């Protein structure tokens, strides 16, 4: 820092040392101030400035402090501006990548991983438009599936009010599909205006919410009107939290027959339609198709492979019978015996007081689920008997005979089953809606 001619700016912090050596005086607490000393002047003599100079120095210090605070505020404002510009730049880059890659998927997982999900600064403030379209598409597909189930119910119910509501809802879904298609075309042609996205998305989500409510109301009425056994369970995803639990446990059994309707095209393997665990044995009774292995039944952790060919996306009726004497078992598919064997856990009775779960394999009592072993598909009319059914009885179940029996241990009824994690219940009419 340059001073007036003939002067030198020094820090007073040096002066106590110089003066101490020159005068032999001690100092207590000192303040650090700046002063000017002539070239030929005595530095120690300048250690006691007048009152006026001290006031000027104090004023200078306050001004410097105010300047520093102002600069700090300016820096903070500039950082905020940079942050906003970075977010806008990221959105622009995302949009430019979308327009520059017309061949890329517009909403699938591969598109999000390799296309426009680029995040230049980790500061993107909203979901890309194509991902929003994908979410809307999935929601529409879910609504259409629910409507199809309502249509099946309406065919069994002559109520004109139900049919009219179904038509209204179908028209609304068609309109929504046209809106989504229009937005896809706009994206492909580069005409989509991001400024209008929030408003358009709000309108569509509002309509979807209304549709969800209307369909839910219809489903509630449908549930109230349908017989307690005319329903199916749907497990649309492989997770470790989606399942159904049978409220009643199994008694001690020296024989059993387990039958159900089942539909799946999951690969590899449809997973675990049901598992029964007891204290000390998680695999007391399990039906599982895991990986590329054939379907198996486990009793007390002993295994038999079942000759089922049912992983084709169509409804099939299956039954497995077993007796503890010699461990004899039989397997039926669509009313016909397809296999049999023996020495499957012979003379081991099925233990009571366990937990019966549909859709998951238990590694611990009532839990320890593994998503890779989860059942993905649809299941209905799960019935359990404490005896071996005859071939005629099994055939009657598979063909929906009027004389078909319900399980005397576990009977298929909505009141007997709780669902968790997103599993759903739909109306199911065996043999009338097959495939």
Protein backbone atom coordinates (compact mmCIF):
# COMPACT_ATOMS: atom_id res chain seq x y z
CA UNK A 1 0.00 0.00 0.00
CA UNK A 2 1.55 3.37 -0.98
CA UNK A 3 1.35 6.33 1.39
CA UNK A 4 1.98 10.11 1.04
CA UNK A 5 5.53 11.10 -0.02
CA UNK A 6 8.02 10.90 2.85
CA UNK A 7 5.87 8.59 4.98
CA UNK A 8 5.81 4.85 5.62
CA UNK A 9 2.76 2.81 6.70
CA UNK A 10 3.66 0.36 9.45
CA UNK A 11 1.63 -1.93 11.67
CA UNK A 12 1.54 -0.87 15.25
CA UNK A 13 2.00 -4.51 16.18
CA UNK A 14 5.73 -4.04 15.48
CA UNK A 15 6.05 -0.89 17.54
CA UNK A 16 5.81 -2.44 21.04
CA UNK A 17 8.82 -4.60 20.22
CA UNK A 18 10.84 -1.65 18.90
CA UNK A 19 9.86 0.60 21.75
CA UNK A 20 10.46 -2.12 24.32
CA UNK A 21 14.01 -2.53 23.06
CA UNK A 22 14.57 1.22 22.87
CA UNK A 23 12.93 2.25 26.18
CA UNK A 24 12.81 -0.93 28.26
CA UNK A 25 9.09 -0.54 28.89
CA UNK A 26 6.50 -3.38 29.10
CA UNK A 27 3.08 -3.33 27.53
CA UNK A 28 -0.16 -4.96 28.51
CA UNK A 29 -2.90 -5.61 25.97
CA UNK A 30 -2.33 -3.86 22.65
CA UNK A 31 -4.50 -2.87 19.74
CA UNK A 32 -3.34 -3.22 16.17
CA UNK A 33 -3.75 0.04 14.27
CA UNK A 34 -2.04 1.66 11.29
CA UNK A 35 -0.25 5.02 11.38
CA UNK A 36 2.21 6.97 9.18
CA UNK A 37 5.72 7.82 10.36
CA UNK A 38 8.15 10.19 8.59
CA UNK A 39 11.28 8.58 7.23
CA UNK A 40 13.48 10.44 9.69
CA UNK A 41 10.99 10.28 12.56
CA UNK A 42 11.08 8.26 15.78
CA UNK A 43 8.80 5.24 15.42
CA UNK A 44 8.35 4.91 19.15
CA UNK A 45 7.15 8.46 19.38
CA UNK A 46 4.36 7.60 17.03
CA UNK A 47 2.83 5.03 19.34
CA UNK A 48 0.53 7.47 21.06
CA UNK A 49 -1.52 9.14 18.38
CA UNK A 50 -4.02 11.79 19.25
CA UNK A 51 -7.65 11.25 19.87
CA UNK A 52 -8.60 12.42 16.41
CA UNK A 53 -6.39 9.86 14.71
CA UNK A 54 -7.89 7.02 16.75
CA UNK A 55 -11.40 8.03 15.71
CA UNK A 56 -10.34 8.10 12.09
CA UNK A 57 -8.84 4.64 12.40
CA UNK A 58 -12.01 3.31 14.02
CA UNK A 59 -14.08 4.77 11.22
CA UNK A 60 -11.81 3.16 8.63
CA UNK A 61 -12.13 -0.24 10.29
CA UNK A 62 -15.94 0.01 10.31
CA UNK A 63 -15.95 0.96 6.64
CA UNK A 64 -13.76 -2.00 5.79
CA UNK A 65 -16.02 -4.33 7.73
CA UNK A 66 -19.10 -3.01 5.93
CA UNK A 67 -17.35 -3.49 2.60
CA UNK A 68 -16.54 -7.10 3.43
CA UNK A 69 -20.17 -7.80 4.38
CA UNK A 70 -21.40 -6.25 1.14
CA UNK A 71 -18.99 -8.35 -0.87
CA UNK A 72 -20.14 -11.49 0.96
CA UNK A 73 -23.77 -10.70 0.13
CA UNK A 74 -22.84 -10.11 -3.50
CA UNK A 75 -21.07 -13.48 -3.67
CA UNK A 76 -24.12 -15.26 -2.21
CA UNK A 77 -26.39 -13.62 -4.79
CA UNK A 78 -24.04 -14.63 -7.58
CA UNK A 79 -23.96 -18.23 -6.32
CA UNK A 80 -27.77 -18.34 -6.38
CA UNK A 81 -27.78 -16.96 -9.92
CA UNK A 82 -25.25 -19.60 -10.98
CA UNK A 83 -27.40 -22.29 -9.40
CA UNK A 84 -30.50 -21.16 -11.32
CA UNK A 85 -28.57 -20.95 -14.59
CA UNK A 86 -27.14 -24.42 -14.02
CA UNK A 87 -30.63 -25.87 -13.53
CA UNK A 88 -31.86 -24.20 -16.72
CA UNK A 89 -28.81 -25.43 -18.62
CA UNK A 90 -29.44 -28.98 -17.42
CA UNK A 91 -33.06 -28.85 -18.59
CA UNK A 92 -32.02 -27.46 -21.96
CA UNK A 93 -29.43 -30.20 -22.39
CA UNK A 94 -31.99 -32.85 -21.49
CA UNK A 95 -34.42 -31.47 -24.07
CA UNK A 96 -31.71 -31.21 -26.74
CA UNK A 97 -30.64 -34.81 -26.18
CA UNK A 98 -34.28 -35.90 -26.52
CA UNK A 99 -34.68 -34.01 -29.81
CA UNK A 100 -31.33 -35.26 -31.14
CA UNK A 101 -32.10 -38.95 -30.54
CA UNK A 102 -35.41 -39.67 -32.32
CA UNK A 103 -34.66 -43.39 -32.40
CA UNK A 104 -34.25 -43.69 -28.64
CA UNK A 105 -37.09 -45.09 -26.47
CA UNK A 106 -39.38 -42.37 -25.26
CA UNK A 107 -40.19 -43.72 -21.82
CA UNK A 108 -38.62 -47.09 -21.22
CA UNK A 109 -35.87 -47.95 -18.80
CA UNK A 110 -33.17 -48.03 -21.49
CA UNK A 111 -34.06 -44.52 -22.58
CA UNK A 112 -33.75 -43.17 -19.07
CA UNK A 113 -30.39 -44.83 -18.52
CA UNK A 114 -28.71 -43.97 -21.80
CA UNK A 115 -30.62 -40.99 -23.16
CA UNK A 116 -32.00 -37.87 -21.64
CA UNK A 117 -31.45 -38.55 -17.94
CA UNK A 118 -28.12 -36.74 -18.20
CA UNK A 119 -27.63 -34.59 -15.12
CA UNK A 120 -24.83 -32.10 -15.65
CA UNK A 121 -24.70 -30.61 -12.17
CA UNK A 122 -26.94 -32.81 -10.08
CA UNK A 123 -29.45 -30.01 -9.97
CA UNK A 124 -32.29 -30.94 -12.29
CA UNK A 125 -35.47 -29.73 -10.71
CA UNK A 126 -38.09 -31.91 -12.42
CA UNK A 127 -38.71 -35.23 -14.14
CA UNK A 128 -37.98 -35.33 -17.91
CA UNK A 129 -41.08 -35.13 -20.07
CA UNK A 130 -40.69 -38.57 -21.60
CA UNK A 131 -40.45 -40.22 -18.19
CA UNK A 132 -43.67 -38.45 -17.23
CA UNK A 133 -45.31 -39.91 -20.34
CA UNK A 134 -44.12 -43.37 -19.36
CA UNK A 135 -45.68 -42.98 -15.91
CA UNK A 136 -48.95 -41.79 -17.42
CA UNK A 137 -48.92 -44.73 -19.83
CA UNK A 138 -48.49 -47.19 -16.98
CA UNK A 139 -51.32 -45.56 -15.07
CA UNK A 140 -53.60 -45.75 -18.11
CA UNK A 141 -52.76 -49.43 -18.57
CA UNK A 142 -53.64 -50.08 -14.93
CA UNK A 143 -56.98 -48.30 -15.37
CA UNK A 144 -57.73 -50.30 -18.51
CA UNK A 145 -57.03 -53.55 -16.68
CA UNK A 146 -59.39 -52.55 -13.91
CA UNK A 147 -62.03 -51.63 -16.48
CA UNK A 148 -61.69 -55.03 -18.13
CA UNK A 149 -62.45 -56.66 -14.80
CA UNK A 150 -65.45 -54.39 -14.38
CA UNK A 151 -66.63 -55.39 -17.86
CA UNK A 152 -66.44 -59.04 -16.89
CA UNK A 153 -68.52 -58.28 -13.85
CA UNK A 154 -71.03 -56.27 -15.87
CA UNK A 155 -71.54 -59.21 -18.24
CA UNK A 156 -72.81 -61.15 -15.25
CA UNK A 157 -74.84 -58.19 -14.03
CA UNK A 158 -77.60 -56.76 -16.19
CA UNK A 159 -77.56 -53.38 -14.45
CA UNK A 160 -77.81 -50.66 -17.10
CA UNK A 161 -76.29 -48.17 -14.68
CA UNK A 162 -73.11 -50.25 -14.46
CA UNK A 163 -72.88 -50.45 -18.25
CA UNK A 164 -73.38 -46.70 -18.63
CA UNK A 165 -70.66 -45.92 -16.10
CA UNK A 166 -68.33 -48.37 -17.82
CA UNK A 167 -68.91 -46.64 -21.18
CA UNK A 168 -68.26 -43.21 -19.68
CA UNK A 169 -65.02 -44.35 -18.07
CA UNK A 170 -63.87 -46.07 -21.26
CA UNK A 171 -64.43 -42.87 -23.24
CA UNK A 172 -62.43 -40.87 -20.71
CA UNK A 173 -59.54 -43.32 -20.91
CA UNK A 174 -59.62 -43.14 -24.72
CA UNK A 175 -59.42 -39.34 -24.51
CA UNK A 176 -56.47 -39.56 -22.13
CA UNK A 177 -54.67 -41.95 -24.45
CA UNK A 178 -55.12 -39.46 -27.30
CA UNK A 179 -53.64 -36.69 -25.13
CA UNK A 180 -50.64 -38.82 -24.25
CA UNK A 181 -50.16 -39.78 -27.92
CA UNK A 182 -50.35 -36.12 -28.89
CA UNK A 183 -47.63 -35.26 -26.37
CA UNK A 184 -45.44 -38.08 -27.72
CA UNK A 185 -45.84 -36.72 -31.26
CA UNK A 186 -45.00 -33.22 -30.07
CA UNK A 187 -41.83 -34.51 -28.43
CA UNK A 188 -40.80 -36.38 -31.58
CA UNK A 189 -41.38 -33.30 -33.76
CA UNK A 190 -39.62 -30.96 -31.35
CA UNK A 191 -42.77 -28.86 -30.87
CA UNK A 192 -43.27 -29.57 -27.20
CA UNK A 193 -43.13 -26.45 -25.07
CA UNK A 194 -41.79 -27.18 -21.56
CA UNK A 195 -43.55 -24.09 -20.19
CA UNK A 196 -46.92 -25.72 -20.71
CA UNK A 197 -45.93 -29.10 -19.30
CA UNK A 198 -46.90 -28.36 -15.70
CA UNK A 199 -50.33 -27.10 -16.71
CA UNK A 200 -51.00 -30.03 -19.06
CA UNK A 201 -49.72 -32.58 -16.57
CA UNK A 202 -51.94 -31.05 -13.88
CA UNK A 203 -55.02 -31.45 -16.10
CA UNK A 204 -54.23 -35.05 -16.95
CA UNK A 205 -53.44 -36.00 -13.35
CA UNK A 206 -56.70 -34.39 -12.22
CA UNK A 207 -58.63 -36.48 -14.75
CA UNK A 208 -56.75 -39.63 -13.71
CA UNK A 209 -57.56 -38.98 -10.07
CA UNK A 210 -61.24 -38.66 -10.94
CA UNK A 211 -61.07 -41.91 -12.95
CA UNK A 212 -59.38 -43.75 -10.10
CA UNK A 213 -62.12 -42.63 -7.73
CA UNK A 214 -64.96 -43.62 -10.07
CA UNK A 215 -63.44 -47.04 -10.76
CA UNK A 216 -62.76 -47.59 -7.06
CA UNK A 217 -66.40 -46.81 -6.29
CA UNK A 218 -67.50 -49.32 -8.94
CA UNK A 219 -65.11 -51.93 -7.59
CA UNK A 220 -66.45 -51.41 -4.09
CA UNK A 221 -69.98 -52.02 -5.31
CA UNK A 222 -68.76 -54.99 -7.30
CA UNK A 223 -67.10 -56.45 -4.20
CA UNK A 224 -70.27 -55.99 -2.17
CA UNK A 225 -72.34 -57.84 -4.78
CA UNK A 226 -70.08 -60.76 -5.78
CA UNK A 227 -70.08 -64.15 -4.04
CA UNK A 228 -67.30 -64.51 -1.47
CA UNK A 229 -65.36 -67.10 -3.49
CA UNK A 230 -65.50 -65.39 -6.91
CA UNK A 231 -62.26 -63.45 -6.73
CA UNK A 232 -58.63 -63.80 -7.69
CA UNK A 233 -55.37 -62.49 -6.29
CA UNK A 234 -53.02 -60.58 -8.60
CA UNK A 235 -49.29 -60.20 -7.96
CA UNK A 236 -48.05 -57.93 -10.78
CA UNK A 237 -44.41 -57.58 -9.64
CA UNK A 238 -41.62 -59.57 -8.07
CA UNK A 239 -41.00 -57.94 -4.69
CA UNK A 240 -40.16 -59.03 -1.17
CA UNK A 241 -43.19 -57.26 0.29
CA UNK A 242 -46.19 -58.15 -1.91
CA UNK A 243 -48.12 -61.16 -0.61
CA UNK A 244 -51.37 -62.51 0.81
CA UNK A 245 -51.80 -64.24 4.15
CA UNK A 246 -54.39 -66.86 4.99
CA UNK A 247 -55.88 -66.00 8.37
CA UNK A 248 -56.35 -69.63 9.37
CA UNK A 249 -53.48 -72.02 10.06
CA UNK A 250 -53.34 -75.68 9.08
CA UNK A 251 -54.07 -78.48 11.55
CA UNK A 252 -51.93 -81.57 11.87
CA UNK A 253 -52.53 -83.52 8.64
CA UNK A 254 -51.58 -87.06 7.61
CA UNK A 255 -52.87 -86.44 4.08
CA UNK A 256 -53.82 -83.42 2.02
CA UNK A 257 -55.09 -82.19 -1.33
CA UNK A 258 -54.25 -78.66 -2.45
CA UNK A 259 -55.90 -77.25 -5.57
CA UNK A 260 -55.97 -73.84 -7.25
CA UNK A 261 -56.42 -71.92 -10.46
CA UNK A 262 -53.17 -70.26 -11.55
CA UNK A 263 -51.98 -68.02 -14.40
CA UNK A 264 -48.46 -66.77 -15.07
CA UNK A 265 -45.89 -66.24 -17.80
CA UNK A 266 -43.12 -64.99 -15.53
CA UNK A 267 -39.59 -65.95 -16.49
CA UNK A 268 -37.45 -67.50 -15.25
CA UNK A 269 -39.92 -69.42 -13.10
CA UNK A 270 -43.23 -68.15 -11.81
CA UNK A 271 -42.02 -68.15 -8.19
CA UNK A 272 -43.83 -69.40 -5.08
CA UNK A 273 -47.64 -69.71 -5.27
CA UNK A 274 -47.79 -70.67 -1.58
CA UNK A 275 -45.60 -71.56 1.40
CA UNK A 276 -46.43 -72.91 4.83
CA UNK A 277 -43.89 -72.47 7.64
CA UNK A 278 -43.96 -73.75 11.21
CA UNK A 279 -41.64 -73.01 14.14
CA UNK A 280 -38.32 -74.69 13.43
CA UNK A 281 -39.14 -75.53 9.78
CA UNK A 282 -39.65 -72.78 7.18
CA UNK A 283 -40.21 -75.35 4.39
CA UNK A 284 -42.91 -77.45 6.00
CA UNK A 285 -45.07 -77.27 2.85
CA UNK A 286 -44.07 -75.22 -0.22
CA UNK A 287 -44.95 -75.06 -3.92
CA UNK A 288 -42.22 -73.28 -5.90
CA UNK A 289 -40.90 -72.83 -9.43
CA UNK A 290 -37.59 -71.02 -9.11
CA UNK A 291 -35.19 -70.11 -11.90
CA UNK A 292 -35.09 -72.64 -14.73
CA UNK A 293 -36.04 -75.53 -12.47
CA UNK A 294 -39.38 -77.34 -12.84
CA UNK A 295 -42.09 -76.73 -10.29
CA UNK A 296 -41.42 -78.54 -7.02
CA UNK A 297 -43.33 -79.38 -3.89
CA UNK A 298 -41.46 -79.43 -0.59
CA UNK A 299 -42.66 -81.26 2.52
CA UNK A 300 -40.45 -80.96 5.60
CA UNK A 301 -37.72 -79.73 3.19
CA UNK A 302 -37.97 -82.93 1.11
CA UNK A 303 -38.49 -82.32 -2.60
CA UNK A 304 -40.50 -83.84 -5.46
CA UNK A 305 -40.46 -82.42 -8.99
CA UNK A 306 -43.89 -81.88 -10.53
CA UNK A 307 -44.58 -82.39 -14.27
CA UNK A 308 -46.56 -79.15 -14.73
CA UNK A 309 -46.43 -77.15 -17.98
CA UNK A 310 -48.32 -74.03 -17.02
CA UNK A 311 -46.00 -71.05 -17.49
CA UNK A 312 -47.71 -69.87 -20.69
CA UNK A 313 -49.82 -66.92 -19.55
CA UNK A 314 -53.04 -68.96 -19.55
CA UNK A 315 -55.29 -70.12 -16.74
CA UNK A 316 -54.64 -73.66 -15.52
CA UNK A 317 -56.16 -75.75 -12.75
CA UNK A 318 -53.61 -77.72 -10.71
CA UNK A 319 -53.91 -80.13 -7.77
CA UNK A 320 -51.38 -81.96 -5.64
CA UNK A 321 -52.42 -84.79 -3.32
CA UNK A 322 -50.24 -86.53 -0.73
CA UNK A 323 -50.48 -89.07 2.06
CA UNK A 324 -47.94 -89.65 4.81
CA UNK A 325 -48.08 -93.43 4.27
CA UNK A 326 -45.10 -94.15 2.01
CA UNK A 327 -45.09 -90.46 1.02
CA UNK A 328 -47.27 -91.13 -2.04
CA UNK A 329 -48.13 -88.05 -4.14
CA UNK A 330 -50.09 -87.28 -7.31
CA UNK A 331 -50.13 -84.21 -9.55
CA UNK A 332 -53.08 -83.06 -11.72
CA UNK A 333 -53.16 -80.39 -14.43
CA UNK A 334 -56.48 -79.22 -15.88
CA UNK A 335 -58.27 -82.25 -14.43
CA UNK A 336 -55.85 -84.88 -15.73
CA UNK A 337 -53.23 -86.72 -13.70
CA UNK A 338 -49.79 -85.84 -15.10
CA UNK A 339 -47.48 -87.48 -12.57
CA UNK A 340 -47.10 -89.38 -9.32
CA UNK A 341 -44.42 -90.68 -6.98
CA UNK A 342 -43.62 -91.89 -3.49
CA UNK A 343 -41.14 -91.50 -0.61
CA UNK A 344 -41.91 -87.81 -0.27
CA UNK A 345 -41.45 -87.18 3.47
CA UNK A 346 -43.01 -90.54 4.38
CA UNK A 347 -44.62 -90.82 7.82
CA UNK A 348 -44.12 -87.13 8.52
CA UNK A 349 -47.41 -85.43 9.40
CA UNK A 350 -47.88 -81.79 8.40
CA UNK A 351 -47.35 -79.84 11.61
CA UNK A 352 -49.99 -77.41 12.93
CA UNK A 353 -49.84 -73.81 14.17
CA UNK A 354 -47.89 -72.43 11.22
CA UNK A 355 -48.21 -69.46 8.84
CA UNK A 356 -49.70 -69.91 5.36
CA UNK A 357 -48.60 -67.27 2.83
CA UNK A 358 -49.62 -66.88 -0.82
CA UNK A 359 -47.12 -65.34 -3.23
CA UNK A 360 -43.90 -65.61 -1.19
CA UNK A 361 -41.46 -68.24 0.06
CA UNK A 362 -40.77 -67.96 3.79
CA UNK A 363 -37.24 -68.26 5.16
CA UNK A 364 -38.50 -67.48 8.65
CA UNK A 365 -41.90 -67.92 10.24
CA UNK A 366 -44.12 -65.40 8.41
CA UNK A 367 -41.23 -63.53 6.77
CA UNK A 368 -37.74 -63.66 5.30
CA UNK A 369 -39.11 -63.11 1.78
CA UNK A 370 -36.80 -63.09 -1.26
CA UNK A 371 -37.95 -61.14 -4.33
CA UNK A 372 -36.33 -63.67 -6.70
CA UNK A 373 -38.65 -66.38 -5.31
CA UNK A 374 -41.80 -64.26 -5.29
CA UNK A 375 -44.79 -65.37 -7.34
CA UNK A 376 -45.73 -63.12 -10.25
CA UNK A 377 -49.11 -63.80 -11.82
CA UNK A 378 -52.69 -64.52 -10.78
CA UNK A 379 -54.13 -67.09 -8.41
CA UNK A 380 -57.66 -68.13 -7.44
CA UNK A 381 -59.69 -70.84 -5.70
CA UNK A 382 -56.90 -71.98 -3.39
CA UNK A 383 -58.49 -74.81 -1.40
CA UNK A 384 -57.03 -77.31 1.07
CA UNK A 385 -58.47 -80.66 2.20
CA UNK A 386 -57.13 -83.00 4.87
CA UNK A 387 -57.66 -86.03 2.65
CA UNK A 388 -56.71 -87.30 -0.78
CA UNK A 389 -59.23 -86.27 -3.44
CA UNK A 390 -60.29 -88.81 -6.02
CA UNK A 391 -59.55 -88.27 -9.74
CA UNK A 392 -63.26 -87.61 -10.30
CA UNK A 393 -63.34 -84.90 -7.63
CA UNK A 394 -60.29 -83.23 -9.12
CA UNK A 395 -61.84 -83.33 -12.59
CA UNK A 396 -65.03 -81.77 -11.22
CA UNK A 397 -63.00 -78.86 -9.80
CA UNK A 398 -61.15 -78.32 -13.09
CA UNK A 399 -64.37 -78.30 -15.11
CA UNK A 400 -66.33 -76.17 -12.63
CA UNK A 401 -68.84 -78.90 -11.92
CA UNK A 402 -71.83 -77.86 -9.88
CA UNK A 403 -70.88 -80.61 -7.43
CA UNK A 404 -67.37 -79.25 -6.91
CA UNK A 405 -66.40 -79.02 -3.26
CA UNK A 406 -64.69 -76.32 -1.24
CA UNK A 407 -61.73 -77.15 0.96
CA UNK A 408 -62.68 -78.48 4.38
CA UNK A 409 -59.45 -77.09 5.90
CA UNK A 410 -58.99 -73.90 3.89
CA UNK A 411 -61.92 -72.66 1.79
CA UNK A 412 -61.39 -69.92 -0.78
CA UNK A 413 -63.20 -66.82 0.55
CA UNK A 414 -62.31 -63.13 0.68
CA UNK A 415 -62.89 -62.95 4.42
CA UNK A 416 -60.18 -65.59 4.96
CA UNK A 417 -57.36 -63.73 3.17
CA UNK A 418 -55.53 -60.48 3.85
CA UNK A 419 -53.39 -58.82 1.16
CA UNK A 420 -50.25 -56.72 1.60
CA UNK A 421 -47.76 -54.67 -0.38
CA UNK A 422 -49.83 -53.94 -3.47
CA UNK A 423 -51.39 -57.34 -4.17
CA UNK A 424 -54.98 -56.89 -5.41
CA UNK A 425 -58.28 -58.74 -5.50
CA UNK A 426 -60.35 -58.92 -8.69
CA UNK A 427 -63.56 -60.65 -9.62
CA UNK A 428 -62.92 -64.14 -11.01
CA UNK A 429 -65.47 -66.53 -12.48
CA UNK A 430 -63.82 -69.91 -12.97
CA UNK A 431 -64.29 -71.47 -16.42
CA UNK A 432 -66.19 -68.43 -17.78
CA UNK A 433 -63.24 -66.10 -18.31
CA UNK A 434 -60.46 -68.57 -19.01
CA UNK A 435 -57.86 -67.39 -21.50
